[in-house]
C-alpha atoms as a PDB file:
ATOM      1  CA  MET A   1      20.442  -5.060 -12.836  1.00  0.00           C
ATOM      2  CA  SER A   2      17.740  -8.231 -11.386  1.00  0.00           C
ATOM      3  CA  ASP A   3      14.723  -8.830 -13.426  1.00  0.00           C
ATOM      4  CA  ALA A   4      13.730 -10.012  -9.146  1.00  0.00           C
ATOM      5  CA  PRO A   5       9.866  -8.341  -7.575  1.00  0.00           C
ATOM      6  CA  ASN A   6      11.672  -7.176  -4.551  1.00  0.00           C
ATOM      7  CA  ASP A   7      15.205  -6.764  -4.768  1.00  0.00           C
ATOM      8  CA  ASP A   8      16.256  -4.507  -3.277  1.00  0.00           C
ATOM      9  CA  ARG A   9      19.371  -3.384  -5.428  1.00  0.00           C
ATOM     10  CA  GLN A  10      16.732  -2.330  -8.280  1.00  0.00           C
ATOM     11  CA  HIS A  11      16.065   0.347  -5.656  1.00  0.00           C
ATOM     12  CA  ARG A  12      18.680   2.201  -5.610  1.00  0.00           C
ATOM     13  CA  ARG A  13      16.806   5.894  -4.954  1.00  0.00           C
ATOM     14  CA  PRO A  14      13.613   6.189  -4.149  1.00  0.00           C
ATOM     15  CA  HIS A  15      10.927   6.648  -6.847  1.00  0.00           C
ATOM     16  CA  THR A  16       8.551   9.703  -7.190  1.00  0.00           C
ATOM     17  CA  PRO A  17       4.782   8.373  -6.879  1.00  0.00           C
ATOM     18  CA  PRO A  18       2.809   6.741  -7.450  1.00  0.00           C
ATOM     19  CA  MET A  19       4.238   3.838  -9.976  1.00  0.00           C
ATOM     20  CA  ALA A  20       0.985   1.298  -9.606  1.00  0.00           C
ATOM     21  CA  ALA A  21      -2.515   3.490 -11.018  1.00  0.00           C
ATOM     22  CA  PRO A  22      -4.630   3.257 -13.021  1.00  0.00           C
ATOM     23  CA  PHE A  23      -3.388   5.148 -15.664  1.00  0.00           C
ATOM     24  CA  LEU A  24      -0.212   6.359 -15.584  1.00  0.00           C
ATOM     25  CA  GLU A  25       1.548   8.525 -18.821  1.00  0.00           C
ATOM     26  CA  PHE A  26       5.221   9.404 -19.515  1.00  0.00           C
ATOM     27  CA  ASP A  27       7.140  10.756 -21.780  1.00  0.00           C
ATOM     28  CA  LEU A  28      10.277   8.882 -22.545  1.00  0.00           C
ATOM     29  CA  LYS A  29      11.611  11.158 -24.335  1.00  0.00           C
ATOM     30  CA  SER A  30      12.113  13.887 -20.796  1.00  0.00           C
ATOM     31  CA  GLU A  31      12.537  10.734 -18.737  1.00  0.00           C
ATOM     32  CA  LEU A  32      15.484   9.666 -20.967  1.00  0.00           C
ATOM     33  CA  GLU A  33      17.093  13.070 -20.366  1.00  0.00           C
ATOM     34  CA  GLN A  34      16.258  12.987 -16.474  1.00  0.00           C
ATOM     35  CA  LEU A  35      18.600   9.544 -16.644  1.00  0.00           C
ATOM     36  CA  HIS A  36      21.531  11.751 -18.610  1.00  0.00           C
ATOM     37  CA  GLU A  37      21.440  14.132 -15.697  1.00  0.00           C
ATOM     38  CA  GLU A  38      21.359  12.070 -13.054  1.00  0.00           C
ATOM     39  CA  THR A  39      25.399  10.899 -11.315  1.00  0.00           C
ATOM     40  CA  GLU A  40      24.569   7.036 -12.238  1.00  0.00           C
ATOM     41  CA  TRP A  41      25.268   7.593 -15.879  1.00  0.00           C
ATOM     42  CA  ALA A  42      27.980   8.469 -15.343  1.00  0.00           C
ATOM     43  CA  ASN A  43      29.472   4.557 -14.417  1.00  0.00           C
ATOM     44  CA  GLY A  44      27.383   4.240 -17.776  1.00  0.00           C
ATOM     45  CA  GLN A  45      24.404   3.082 -17.273  1.00  0.00           C
ATOM     46  CA  ASN A  46      21.304   4.035 -15.472  1.00  0.00           C
ATOM     47  CA  ALA A  47      17.234   3.063 -15.144  1.00  0.00           C
ATOM     48  CA  ARG A  48      13.942   4.104 -13.587  1.00  0.00           C
ATOM     49  CA  THR A  49      11.086   1.831 -12.812  1.00  0.00           C
ATOM     50  CA  LEU A  50       8.361   3.662 -14.580  1.00  0.00           C
ATOM     51  CA  VAL A  51       5.345   1.096 -13.920  1.00  0.00           C
ATOM     52  CA  LYS A  52       5.739  -0.992 -11.276  1.00  0.00           C
ATOM     53  CA  PHE A  53       2.283  -3.890  -9.740  1.00  0.00           C
ATOM     54  CA  ASP A  54       3.507  -6.940  -7.821  1.00  0.00           C
ATOM     55  CA  ASP A  55       2.950  -8.918 -10.579  1.00  0.00           C
ATOM     56  CA  PHE A  56       4.380  -6.242 -13.631  1.00  0.00           C
ATOM     57  CA  ARG A  57       6.997  -3.856 -14.006  1.00  0.00           C
ATOM     58  CA  VAL A  58       7.723  -1.155 -16.400  1.00  0.00           C
ATOM     59  CA  VAL A  59      11.704  -0.225 -16.544  1.00  0.00           C
ATOM     60  CA  LEU A  60      13.744   2.331 -18.740  1.00  0.00           C
ATOM     61  CA  VAL A  61      17.140   1.693 -18.425  1.00  0.00           C
ATOM     62  CA  ALA A  62      19.386   4.126 -20.168  1.00  0.00           C
ATOM     63  CA  LEU A  63      23.576   2.326 -21.613  1.00  0.00           C
ATOM     64  CA  ARG A  64      25.921   4.371 -22.654  1.00  0.00           C
ATOM     65  CA  ALA A  65      27.508   2.442 -25.917  1.00  0.00           C
ATOM     66  CA  ARG A  66      29.131  -0.206 -24.902  1.00  0.00           C
ATOM     67  CA  ALA A  67      28.353  -1.050 -21.603  1.00  0.00           C
ATOM     68  CA  ARG A  68      27.069  -4.471 -21.105  1.00  0.00           C
ATOM     69  CA  VAL A  69      24.254  -5.480 -18.407  1.00  0.00           C
ATOM     70  CA  PRO A  70      25.624  -8.962 -17.797  1.00  0.00           C
ATOM     71  CA  GLY A  71      23.661 -12.590 -17.714  1.00  0.00           C
ATOM     72  CA  HIS A  72      20.700 -12.963 -16.054  1.00  0.00           C
ATOM     73  CA  GLN A  73      17.204 -14.170 -16.022  1.00  0.00           C
ATOM     74  CA  THR A  74      13.667 -14.034 -14.559  1.00  0.00           C
ATOM     75  CA  LYS A  75      10.835 -15.945 -13.082  1.00  0.00           C
ATOM     76  CA  GLY A  76       9.216 -13.784 -15.808  1.00  0.00           C
ATOM     77  CA  ARG A  77       8.412 -13.183 -19.199  1.00  0.00           C
ATOM     78  CA  ILE A  78      10.190 -10.039 -20.260  1.00  0.00           C
ATOM     79  CA  SER A  79       9.869  -7.170 -23.363  1.00  0.00           C
ATOM     80  CA  ILE A  80      12.714  -5.540 -24.410  1.00  0.00           C
ATOM     81  CA  HIS A  81      11.861  -2.510 -26.401  1.00  0.00           C
ATOM     82  CA  THR A  82      14.919  -0.214 -28.029  1.00  0.00           C
ATOM     83  CA  VAL A  83      13.621   3.293 -27.314  1.00  0.00           C
ATOM     84  CA  ALA A  84      17.123   5.259 -28.366  1.00  0.00           C
ATOM     85  CA  GLY A  85      20.170   3.439 -30.167  1.00  0.00           C
ATOM     86  CA  HIS A  86      20.705  -0.200 -30.562  1.00  0.00           C
ATOM     87  CA  ILE A  87      21.131  -2.194 -28.583  1.00  0.00           C
ATOM     88  CA  ILE A  88      22.158  -6.878 -28.510  1.00  0.00           C
ATOM     89  CA  VAL A  89      20.043  -8.863 -26.608  1.00  0.00           C
ATOM     90  CA  ARG A  90      21.970 -12.404 -26.223  1.00  0.00           C
ATOM     91  CA  ALA A  91      20.232 -15.421 -25.070  1.00  0.00           C
ATOM     92  CA  GLU A  92      20.429 -19.302 -26.028  1.00  0.00           C
ATOM     93  CA  GLY A  93      23.339 -18.917 -27.686  1.00  0.00           C
ATOM     94  CA  ARG A  94      21.725 -16.647 -30.548  1.00  0.00           C
ATOM     95  CA  THR A  95      22.313 -13.122 -30.289  1.00  0.00           C
ATOM     96  CA  PHE A  96      19.369 -10.690 -31.178  1.00  0.00           C
ATOM     97  CA  ASP A  97      20.231  -6.726 -33.142  1.00  0.00           C
ATOM     98  CA  LEU A  98      17.595  -4.422 -31.585  1.00  0.00           C
ATOM     99  CA  PRO A  99      17.972  -1.192 -33.111  1.00  0.00           C
ATOM    100  CA  GLY A 100      15.153   1.963 -32.102  1.00  0.00           C
ATOM    101  CA  GLY A 101      11.941   0.461 -32.700  1.00  0.00           C
ATOM    102  CA  ALA A 102      12.853  -3.243 -32.448  1.00  0.00           C
ATOM    103  CA  LEU A 103      11.020  -5.053 -29.599  1.00  0.00           C
ATOM    104  CA  LEU A 104      12.168  -8.732 -28.299  1.00  0.00           C
ATOM    105  CA  ALA A 105      10.543 -10.668 -26.148  1.00  0.00           C
ATOM    106  CA  LEU A 106      11.694 -13.558 -23.758  1.00  0.00           C
ATOM    107  CA  ASP A 107      10.298 -15.975 -21.978  1.00  0.00           C
ATOM    108  CA  HIS A 108      10.269 -17.207 -18.363  1.00  0.00           C
ATOM    109  CA  ASN A 109      13.359 -18.548 -16.667  1.00  0.00           C
ATOM    110  CA  LEU A 110      15.258 -18.288 -19.731  1.00  0.00           C
ATOM    111  CA  PRO A 111      19.032 -16.730 -19.011  1.00  0.00           C
ATOM    112  CA  HIS A 112      20.294 -13.282 -21.288  1.00  0.00           C
ATOM    113  CA  GLU A 113      22.540 -10.449 -20.959  1.00  0.00           C
ATOM    114  CA  VAL A 114      22.442  -6.826 -22.822  1.00  0.00           C
ATOM    115  CA  GLU A 115      24.905  -5.008 -24.690  1.00  0.00           C
ATOM    116  CA  ALA A 116      25.015  -1.298 -26.399  1.00  0.00           C
ATOM    117  CA  VAL A 117      26.318  -0.949 -29.532  1.00  0.00           C
ATOM    118  CA  ASP A 118      25.355   2.529 -29.094  1.00  0.00           C
ATOM    119  CA  ASP A 119      24.329   5.232 -26.479  1.00  0.00           C
ATOM    120  CA  SER A 120      21.110   3.118 -25.861  1.00  0.00           C
ATOM    121  CA  ALA A 121      17.896   3.340 -24.204  1.00  0.00           C
ATOM    122  CA  PHE A 122      15.200   0.068 -24.063  1.00  0.00           C
ATOM    123  CA  LEU A 123      12.132  -0.057 -22.014  1.00  0.00           C
ATOM    124  CA  LEU A 124      12.359  -3.341 -20.021  1.00  0.00           C
ATOM    125  CA  THR A 125       9.049  -5.161 -18.912  1.00  0.00           C
ATOM    126  CA  ILE A 126       8.420  -7.966 -16.053  1.00  0.00           C
ATOM    127  CA  ALA A 127       5.312  -9.944 -16.280  1.00  0.00           C
ATOM    128  CA  TRP A 128       5.675 -12.246 -13.585  1.00  0.00           C
ATOM    129  CA  PRO A 129       3.259 -14.942 -13.130  1.00  0.00           C
ATOM    130  CA  ARG A 130       0.927 -15.289 -10.708  1.00  0.00           C
END
């Protein structure tokens, strides 16, 4: 998974519009159930971009237990908010333990990787500099 703003690999399937509007509201439980029903979930990972502006994204990511998002970095600042399960984030030689309800913010250009301890889901928020 890449945090790059215009990376075509991020768009594995068409998104349901609108993704950028004055008001967007989501039922995360329903969104997560839908991710689990899609064929990509069989690979242990699935994601859906919920909000997409030029300088700001919100992505719901689902990982099976022991699945990993390998090391990567982004030009934007990010936050990782665990909404289900338990994940571990490694960055700058540190290990951050993020059970459900935990939130971690990382500065731009900071290499990091994510690993699911249990079947998990997190919201990835990306804010790119102007």
